[in-house]
C-alpha atoms as a PDB file:
ATOM      1  CA  TYR A   1       4.041  -8.393  -0.203  1.00  0.00           C
ATOM      2  CA  LEU A   2       0.305  -9.383   0.828  1.00  0.00           C
ATOM      3  CA  TYR A   3      -2.394  -9.219  -1.653  1.00  0.00           C
ATOM      4  CA  ILE A   4      -5.921  -7.757  -1.255  1.00  0.00           C
ATOM      5  CA  THR A   5      -8.358  -7.691  -3.209  1.00  0.00           C
ATOM      6  CA  LYS A   6     -12.575  -7.940  -2.987  1.00  0.00           C
ATOM      7  CA  ASN A   7     -12.311 -11.752  -2.230  1.00  0.00           C
ATOM      8  CA  GLY A   8      -9.807 -11.790   0.849  1.00  0.00           C
ATOM      9  CA  MET A   9      -5.560 -11.176   1.318  1.00  0.00           C
ATOM     10  CA  PHE A  10      -3.789 -13.668  -0.532  1.00  0.00           C
ATOM     11  CA  GLY A  11       0.266 -14.059  -0.930  1.00  0.00           C
ATOM     12  CA  ARG A  12       2.531 -13.251  -4.748  1.00  0.00           C
ATOM     13  CA  ASP A  13       2.250 -16.793  -5.454  1.00  0.00           C
ATOM     14  CA  GLU A  14      -1.857 -17.388  -4.992  1.00  0.00           C
ATOM     15  CA  LEU A  15      -2.145 -14.771  -7.317  1.00  0.00           C
ATOM     16  CA  SER A  16      -1.838 -14.349 -11.636  1.00  0.00           C
ATOM     17  CA  GLU A  17       0.358 -10.931 -12.680  1.00  0.00           C
ATOM     18  CA  GLU A  18      -3.224  -8.839 -13.382  1.00  0.00           C
ATOM     19  CA  GLU A  19      -4.628  -9.693 -10.263  1.00  0.00           C
ATOM     20  CA  ARG A  20      -1.778  -8.176  -8.206  1.00  0.00           C
ATOM     21  CA  ASP A  21      -1.680  -5.523 -10.174  1.00  0.00           C
ATOM     22  CA  ALA A  22      -5.392  -4.387  -9.941  1.00  0.00           C
ATOM     23  CA  SER A  23      -4.792  -5.725  -5.758  1.00  0.00           C
ATOM     24  CA  ALA A  24      -3.766  -3.205  -2.685  1.00  0.00           C
ATOM     25  CA  ARG A  25      -0.549  -4.370  -1.826  1.00  0.00           C
ATOM     26  CA  VAL A  26       0.933  -4.560   1.873  1.00  0.00           C
ATOM     27  CA  LEU A  27       3.972  -4.437   2.623  1.00  0.00           C
ATOM     28  CA  VAL A  28       5.414  -7.172   5.250  1.00  0.00           C
ATOM     29  CA  MET A  29       8.846  -7.574   6.774  1.00  0.00           C
ATOM     30  CA  TYR A  30      10.355  -9.648   9.478  1.00  0.00           C
ATOM     31  CA  CYS A  31      13.607  -9.199  12.178  1.00  0.00           C
ATOM     32  CA  SER A  32      14.869 -12.783  12.109  1.00  0.00           C
ATOM     33  CA  ALA A  33      17.417 -12.143  15.408  1.00  0.00           C
ATOM     34  CA  THR A  34      13.805 -10.368  17.660  1.00  0.00           C
ATOM     35  CA  GLN A  35      11.220 -12.615  15.750  1.00  0.00           C
ATOM     36  CA  THR A  36      10.008  -8.556  14.859  1.00  0.00           C
ATOM     37  CA  PRO A  37       7.011  -8.769  12.709  1.00  0.00           C
ATOM     38  CA  PHE A  38       5.518  -5.452  10.475  1.00  0.00           C
ATOM     39  CA  ALA A  39       2.556  -4.922   8.132  1.00  0.00           C
ATOM     40  CA  ASN A  40       2.285  -1.396   5.814  1.00  0.00           C
ATOM     41  CA  GLY A  41      -0.696  -0.626   3.878  1.00  0.00           C
ATOM     42  CA  VAL A  42       1.248   0.687   0.430  1.00  0.00           C
ATOM     43  CA  PRO A  43      -0.031   2.362  -1.912  1.00  0.00           C
ATOM     44  CA  ARG A  44       1.502   0.721  -5.415  1.00  0.00           C
ATOM     45  CA  LYS A  45       4.020  -1.750  -5.643  1.00  0.00           C
ATOM     46  CA  GLY A  46       7.652  -0.812  -5.642  1.00  0.00           C
ATOM     47  CA  ALA A  47       8.720   2.991  -4.396  1.00  0.00           C
ATOM     48  CA  ASP A  48       5.717   5.240  -5.046  1.00  0.00           C
ATOM     49  CA  ALA A  49       6.164   9.087  -5.463  1.00  0.00           C
ATOM     50  CA  ASP A  50       5.900   9.893  -2.072  1.00  0.00           C
ATOM     51  CA  GLY A  51       8.253   7.658  -0.844  1.00  0.00           C
ATOM     52  CA  TYR A  52       6.091   5.822   1.579  1.00  0.00           C
ATOM     53  CA  ALA A  53       7.131   2.705   1.452  1.00  0.00           C
ATOM     54  CA  VAL A  54      10.349   3.599   1.293  1.00  0.00           C
ATOM     55  CA  GLU A  55      10.213   5.845   5.135  1.00  0.00           C
ATOM     56  CA  CYS A  56       7.990   2.794   6.256  1.00  0.00           C
ATOM     57  CA  MET A  57      11.110   0.440   5.465  1.00  0.00           C
ATOM     58  CA  ARG A  58      13.174   2.942   7.520  1.00  0.00           C
ATOM     59  CA  GLN A  59      11.410   3.519   9.472  1.00  0.00           C
ATOM     60  CA  ASN A  60      10.861  -0.812  11.292  1.00  0.00           C
ATOM     61  CA  VAL A  61      14.266  -1.094  10.875  1.00  0.00           C
ATOM     62  CA  LEU A  62      14.988   2.507  12.646  1.00  0.00           C
ATOM     63  CA  TRP A  63      12.515   0.956  15.454  1.00  0.00           C
ATOM     64  CA  LEU A  64      14.742  -2.215  15.723  1.00  0.00           C
ATOM     65  CA  GLY A  65      17.832  -0.343  17.153  1.00  0.00           C
ATOM     66  CA  HIS A  66      20.794  -3.153  15.324  1.00  0.00           C
ATOM     67  CA  ALA A  67      24.068  -0.954  14.014  1.00  0.00           C
ATOM     68  CA  ARG A  68      24.549  -3.564  11.646  1.00  0.00           C
ATOM     69  CA  VAL A  69      21.608  -4.743   9.375  1.00  0.00           C
ATOM     70  CA  THR A  70      21.240  -7.122   6.088  1.00  0.00           C
ATOM     71  CA  LEU A  71      17.672  -6.562   4.069  1.00  0.00           C
ATOM     72  CA  ARG A  72      16.916 -10.063   2.025  1.00  0.00           C
ATOM     73  CA  SER A  73      14.115  -9.609  -0.138  1.00  0.00           C
ATOM     74  CA  ASP A  74      12.773 -12.033  -2.802  1.00  0.00           C
ATOM     75  CA  ASN A  75      14.235 -11.090  -6.388  1.00  0.00           C
ATOM     76  CA  GLU A  76      10.554  -9.277  -7.595  1.00  0.00           C
ATOM     77  CA  PRO A  77      12.665  -6.455  -9.392  1.00  0.00           C
ATOM     78  CA  ALA A  78       9.975  -3.619  -7.374  1.00  0.00           C
ATOM     79  CA  LEU A  79      10.338  -4.602  -4.185  1.00  0.00           C
ATOM     80  CA  VAL A  80      14.222  -4.214  -4.799  1.00  0.00           C
ATOM     81  CA  GLN A  81      13.774  -0.497  -6.413  1.00  0.00           C
ATOM     82  CA  VAL A  82      12.506   0.013  -2.630  1.00  0.00           C
ATOM     83  CA  VAL A  83      15.406  -1.817  -0.588  1.00  0.00           C
ATOM     84  CA  GLY A  84      17.519   0.060  -2.391  1.00  0.00           C
ATOM     85  CA  ARG A  85      16.055   3.376  -1.835  1.00  0.00           C
ATOM     86  CA  ALA A  86      15.833   2.069   2.071  1.00  0.00           C
ATOM     87  CA  ILE A  87      19.492   0.938   1.912  1.00  0.00           C
ATOM     88  CA  ALA A  88      19.842   4.807   0.950  1.00  0.00           C
ATOM     89  CA  ALA A  89      17.712   6.017   3.303  1.00  0.00           C
ATOM     90  CA  LEU A  90      19.322   4.266   6.141  1.00  0.00           C
ATOM     91  CA  LYS A  91      22.469   5.260   5.677  1.00  0.00           C
ATOM     92  CA  MET A  92      21.738   9.116   5.841  1.00  0.00           C
ATOM     93  CA  SER A  93      19.400   8.329   9.280  1.00  0.00           C
ATOM     94  CA  GLY A  94      23.243   6.961  10.519  1.00  0.00           C
ATOM     95  CA  VAL A  95      23.382   2.914  10.022  1.00  0.00           C
ATOM     96  CA  SER A  96      26.043   3.300   7.937  1.00  0.00           C
ATOM     97  CA  ASN A  97      26.640  -0.848   8.136  1.00  0.00           C
ATOM     98  CA  VAL A  98      23.636  -2.323   5.521  1.00  0.00           C
ATOM     99  CA  VAL A  99      23.814  -4.013   3.232  1.00  0.00           C
ATOM    100  CA  GLU A 100      21.318  -6.066   0.140  1.00  0.00           C
ATOM    101  CA  GLU A 101      21.323  -9.909   0.416  1.00  0.00           C
ATOM    102  CA  GLY A 102      18.493 -11.063  -2.198  1.00  0.00           C
ATOM    103  CA  SER A 103      17.205 -14.704  -2.236  1.00  0.00           C
ATOM    104  CA  VAL A 104      18.085 -17.662  -3.960  1.00  0.00           C
ATOM    105  CA  PRO A 105      15.983 -18.039  -7.771  1.00  0.00           C
ATOM    106  CA  TYR A 106      13.640 -20.354  -7.317  1.00  0.00           C
ATOM    107  CA  ASP A 107      14.276 -21.307  -4.310  1.00  0.00           C
ATOM    108  CA  PRO A 108      12.081 -19.587  -1.450  1.00  0.00           C
ATOM    109  CA  GLN A 109      13.671 -21.995   1.714  1.00  0.00           C
ATOM    110  CA  THR A 110      16.178 -19.090   1.537  1.00  0.00           C
ATOM    111  CA  ASN A 111      13.238 -16.241   2.207  1.00  0.00           C
ATOM    112  CA  GLY A 112      10.720 -19.582   4.413  1.00  0.00           C
ATOM    113  CA  ALA A 113      11.484 -16.561   7.526  1.00  0.00           C
ATOM    114  CA  ALA A 114       9.305 -13.478   5.743  1.00  0.00           C
ATOM    115  CA  GLU A 115       6.768 -16.062   4.599  1.00  0.00           C
ATOM    116  CA  SER A 116       5.953 -17.484   8.071  1.00  0.00           C
ATOM    117  CA  ALA A 117       5.939 -13.719   8.371  1.00  0.00           C
ATOM    118  CA  VAL A 118       3.060 -13.166   5.852  1.00  0.00           C
ATOM    119  CA  ARG A 119       1.444 -16.794   6.835  1.00  0.00           C
ATOM    120  CA  SER A 120       1.431 -14.966  10.255  1.00  0.00           C
ATOM    121  CA  VAL A 121      -0.024 -11.842   9.328  1.00  0.00           C
ATOM    122  CA  LYS A 122      -2.541 -13.036   7.203  1.00  0.00           C
ATOM    123  CA  GLY A 123      -3.650 -14.824  10.016  1.00  0.00           C
ATOM    124  CA  MET A 124      -3.488 -12.339  12.361  1.00  0.00           C
ATOM    125  CA  PHE A 125      -5.455 -10.256  10.139  1.00  0.00           C
ATOM    126  CA  LYS A 126      -8.319 -12.670   9.612  1.00  0.00           C
ATOM    127  CA  VAL A 127      -9.072 -12.571  13.022  1.00  0.00           C
ATOM    128  CA  LEU A 128      -9.199  -9.139  13.762  1.00  0.00           C
ATOM    129  CA  LEU A 129     -11.281  -8.647  10.942  1.00  0.00           C
ATOM    130  CA  LEU A 130     -13.599 -11.791  12.152  1.00  0.00           C
ATOM    131  CA  GLY A 131     -14.138 -10.052  15.660  1.00  0.00           C
ATOM    132  CA  LEU A 132     -14.840  -6.362  14.376  1.00  0.00           C
ATOM    133  CA  GLU A 133     -17.381  -7.497  12.320  1.00  0.00           C
ATOM    134  CA  ARG A 134     -19.147  -9.315  14.784  1.00  0.00           C
ATOM    135  CA  SER A 135     -19.048  -6.457  16.839  1.00  0.00           C
ATOM    136  CA  ILE A 136     -20.454  -4.008  14.379  1.00  0.00           C
ATOM    137  CA  GLY A 137     -22.823  -6.134  13.028  1.00  0.00           C
ATOM    138  CA  ALA A 138     -21.989  -5.572   9.502  1.00  0.00           C
ATOM    139  CA  ARG A 139     -19.126  -6.902   7.079  1.00  0.00           C
ATOM    140  CA  ILE A 140     -15.915  -4.485   5.872  1.00  0.00           C
ATOM    141  CA  PRO A 141     -15.175  -3.867   2.701  1.00  0.00           C
ATOM    142  CA  LEU A 142     -10.779  -4.500   1.917  1.00  0.00           C
ATOM    143  CA  ASP A 143     -10.873  -1.642   0.151  1.00  0.00           C
ATOM    144  CA  HIS A 144     -11.995  -0.017   3.654  1.00  0.00           C
ATOM    145  CA  PRO A 145      -9.253   3.317   5.287  1.00  0.00           C
ATOM    146  CA  VAL A 146      -9.239   0.841   8.486  1.00  0.00           C
ATOM    147  CA  ILE A 147      -8.042  -2.191   6.803  1.00  0.00           C
ATOM    148  CA  PRO A 148      -4.218  -0.523   6.658  1.00  0.00           C
ATOM    149  CA  TRP A 149      -4.866   0.143  10.473  1.00  0.00           C
ATOM    150  CA  LEU A 150      -6.367  -3.447  11.174  1.00  0.00           C
ATOM    151  CA  LEU A 151      -2.959  -5.575   9.644  1.00  0.00           C
ATOM    152  CA  SER A 152      -0.481  -2.993  11.936  1.00  0.00           C
ATOM    153  CA  HIS A 153      -1.799  -3.146  15.165  1.00  0.00           C
ATOM    154  CA  GLY A 154      -1.676  -7.500  14.541  1.00  0.00           C
ATOM    155  CA  ALA A 155       1.573  -6.991  13.864  1.00  0.00           C
ATOM    156  CA  MET A 156       1.620  -4.892  16.930  1.00  0.00           C
ATOM    157  CA  LEU A 157      -0.032  -7.281  18.795  1.00  0.00           C
ATOM    158  CA  ARG A 158       2.505 -10.597  17.862  1.00  0.00           C
ATOM    159  CA  THR A 159       5.604  -8.300  18.856  1.00  0.00           C
ATOM    160  CA  LEU A 160       4.102  -7.821  22.238  1.00  0.00           C
ATOM    161  CA  PHE A 161       2.590 -10.822  23.059  1.00  0.00           C
ATOM    162  CA  VAL A 162       4.259 -13.951  21.564  1.00  0.00           C
ATOM    163  CA  ARG A 163       6.524 -15.464  23.503  1.00  0.00           C
ATOM    164  CA  GLY A 164       9.851 -17.175  22.374  1.00  0.00           C
ATOM    165  CA  ASP A 165      10.983 -20.484  23.398  1.00  0.00           C
ATOM    166  CA  ASP A 166      13.263 -18.061  25.283  1.00  0.00           C
ATOM    167  CA  GLY A 167      10.282 -17.292  26.641  1.00  0.00           C
ATOM    168  CA  SER A 168      11.430 -12.891  25.963  1.00  0.00           C
ATOM    169  CA  THR A 169       8.277 -11.331  22.935  1.00  0.00           C
ATOM    170  CA  ALA A 170       9.917  -9.508  20.271  1.00  0.00           C
ATOM    171  CA  HIS A 171       9.356  -5.986  22.013  1.00  0.00           C
ATOM    172  CA  GLN A 172      10.914  -7.392  24.840  1.00  0.00           C
ATOM    173  CA  ARG A 173      14.255  -9.011  22.100  1.00  0.00           C
ATOM    174  CA  ALA A 174      14.348  -5.732  20.298  1.00  0.00           C
ATOM    175  CA  ARG A 175      13.589  -2.805  23.052  1.00  0.00           C
ATOM    176  CA  GLY A 176      14.573  -4.407  25.736  1.00  0.00           C
ATOM    177  CA  CYS A 177      11.084  -4.228  27.477  1.00  0.00           C
ATOM    178  CA  ARG A 178       7.737  -5.360  28.057  1.00  0.00           C
ATOM    179  CA  GLY A 179       5.965  -2.990  26.208  1.00  0.00           C
ATOM    180  CA  PRO A 180       2.544  -0.913  26.466  1.00  0.00           C
ATOM    181  CA  GLN A 181       0.041  -3.845  27.805  1.00  0.00           C
ATOM    182  CA  ARG A 182      -3.008  -1.730  28.185  1.00  0.00           C
ATOM    183  CA  MET A 183      -5.347  -2.282  24.743  1.00  0.00           C
ATOM    184  CA  LEU A 184      -8.605  -1.811  23.359  1.00  0.00           C
ATOM    185  CA  ALA A 185     -10.402  -4.177  21.390  1.00  0.00           C
ATOM    186  CA  PHE A 186      -9.525  -2.665  17.909  1.00  0.00           C
ATOM    187  CA  GLY A 187     -12.534   0.041  16.325  1.00  0.00           C
ATOM    188  CA  GLU A 188     -13.313  -0.218  20.186  1.00  0.00           C
ATOM    189  CA  VAL A 189     -15.156   3.655  20.960  1.00  0.00           C
ATOM    190  CA  CYS A 190     -13.520   5.299  24.296  1.00  0.00           C
ATOM    191  CA  ARG A 191     -12.958   8.375  25.848  1.00  0.00           C
ATOM    192  CA  TYR A 192      -9.298   9.627  25.978  1.00  0.00           C
ATOM    193  CA  LYS A 193      -7.162  12.520  27.346  1.00  0.00           C
ATOM    194  CA  CYS A 194      -6.573  15.522  24.176  1.00  0.00           C
ATOM    195  CA  ARG A 195      -2.441  16.639  24.063  1.00  0.00           C
ATOM    196  CA  SER A 196      -1.892  20.659  24.439  1.00  0.00           C
ATOM    197  CA  LYS A 197      -0.527  21.387  21.353  1.00  0.00           C
ATOM    198  CA  GLU A 198      -2.811  19.765  19.585  1.00  0.00           C
ATOM    199  CA  GLY A 199      -5.438  22.250  20.060  1.00  0.00           C
ATOM    200  CA  GLY A 200      -7.021  20.393  22.501  1.00  0.00           C
ATOM    201  CA  ILE A 201      -6.932  22.084  25.773  1.00  0.00           C
ATOM    202  CA  ALA A 202      -6.648  25.447  26.043  1.00  0.00           C
ATOM    203  CA  GLY A 203      -9.527  27.933  26.839  1.00  0.00           C
ATOM    204  CA  THR A 204     -12.536  26.853  26.380  1.00  0.00           C
ATOM    205  CA  LYS A 205     -11.774  24.132  23.862  1.00  0.00           C
ATOM    206  CA  TRP A 206     -12.723  20.341  25.701  1.00  0.00           C
ATOM    207  CA  ARG A 207      -9.859  18.585  27.983  1.00  0.00           C
ATOM    208  CA  CYS A 208     -11.437  14.583  26.795  1.00  0.00           C
ATOM    209  CA  SER A 209     -12.570  13.347  23.566  1.00  0.00           C
ATOM    210  CA  THR A 210     -14.049  10.350  22.431  1.00  0.00           C
ATOM    211  CA  GLY A 211     -12.904   8.712  19.217  1.00  0.00           C
ATOM    212  CA  VAL A 212     -11.922   5.334  17.672  1.00  0.00           C
ATOM    213  CA  TRP A 213      -9.369   2.745  18.982  1.00  0.00           C
ATOM    214  CA  LEU A 214      -6.920   2.260  15.794  1.00  0.00           C
ATOM    215  CA  GLY A 215      -3.829   0.397  17.796  1.00  0.00           C
ATOM    216  CA  ILE A 216      -0.644   1.669  19.842  1.00  0.00           C
ATOM    217  CA  GLU A 217       1.932   4.022  17.953  1.00  0.00           C
ATOM    218  CA  ARG A 218       5.114   1.644  18.041  1.00  0.00           C
ATOM    219  CA  ARG A 219       7.921   4.127  18.082  1.00  0.00           C
ATOM    220  CA  THR A 220       6.334   6.124  21.122  1.00  0.00           C
ATOM    221  CA  GLY A 221       3.617   3.605  22.602  1.00  0.00           C
ATOM    222  CA  GLN A 222       0.965   6.407  22.429  1.00  0.00           C
ATOM    223  CA  PHE A 223      -2.614   5.224  21.509  1.00  0.00           C
ATOM    224  CA  VAL A 224      -4.046   6.092  18.195  1.00  0.00           C
ATOM    225  CA  ILE A 225      -7.471   7.101  17.944  1.00  0.00           C
ATOM    226  CA  TYR A 226      -9.566   8.271  15.723  1.00  0.00           C
ATOM    227  CA  ASP A 227     -11.334  11.863  17.015  1.00  0.00           C
ATOM    228  CA  LYS A 228     -14.103  12.916  13.343  1.00  0.00           C
ATOM    229  CA  ALA A 229     -14.697  15.987  15.583  1.00  0.00           C
ATOM    230  CA  MET A 230     -11.076  16.819  15.962  1.00  0.00           C
ATOM    231  CA  GLY A 231     -10.209  16.010  12.650  1.00  0.00           C
ATOM    232  CA  GLY A 232      -8.854  12.664  11.992  1.00  0.00           C
ATOM    233  CA  ILE A 233      -6.496  10.620  14.050  1.00  0.00           C
ATOM    234  CA  ARG A 234      -4.630  11.710  17.452  1.00  0.00           C
ATOM    235  CA  TYR A 235      -2.443   9.763  19.340  1.00  0.00           C
ATOM    236  CA  ALA A 236      -3.243   9.769  23.472  1.00  0.00           C
ATOM    237  CA  ARG A 237      -1.488   8.234  26.293  1.00  0.00           C
ATOM    238  CA  THR A 238      -4.163   7.819  29.000  1.00  0.00           C
ATOM    239  CA  LEU A 239      -7.708   6.091  28.373  1.00  0.00           C
ATOM    240  CA  ILE A 240     -10.920   7.233  30.153  1.00  0.00           C
ATOM    241  CA  PRO A 241     -13.246   4.644  31.485  1.00  0.00           C
ATOM    242  CA  MET A 242     -16.396   5.102  29.693  1.00  0.00           C
END
């Protein structure tokens, strides 16, 4: 977990238990085989009533496409609970060869890859947040709804563009292709073509609309756009120059 407070973003060992309980939480995952990071804002520590954290973990593993998976986490009870439920969900989704492996107590090096991923996500978050605040000329509170989208976008940027020693990106290792390459600045206002099934094309409705670019949907490669006029989050494949 990463923890977001009004003073910034912190790792588990950087906060007291009381401070962690009062913080917003980010679930960070890392695939050691493909070097793919994931970051998802979650409503609480442990398994939430709606199963959102478990679903995030399940979707992330399915995106990687592995036939055999070992899920390793630290021994924090709340996280162990999420991992256990995610394993059950993955088996129901057809990933039968999935097991859990805990870290060695008091030996952080046994989960070093995840700790490194946490540091990378923190660094990307700080850079993207500072860039967004500079572009709009205002400070963004860390409890703002845009923050989880910013975190996910930072992890996706590392997946798409950071190359390893083999010259490949994490996306190439996991999916066998480069993935989406066209990007806008996070938070940039753009025009996009509405999808027909979202009520944006038929009859007298507009074919195009204007929204705020929030990144790329990892599973489909579509652009994620917040459009207040259309009622919230929309997905599109076509952007139109402003």
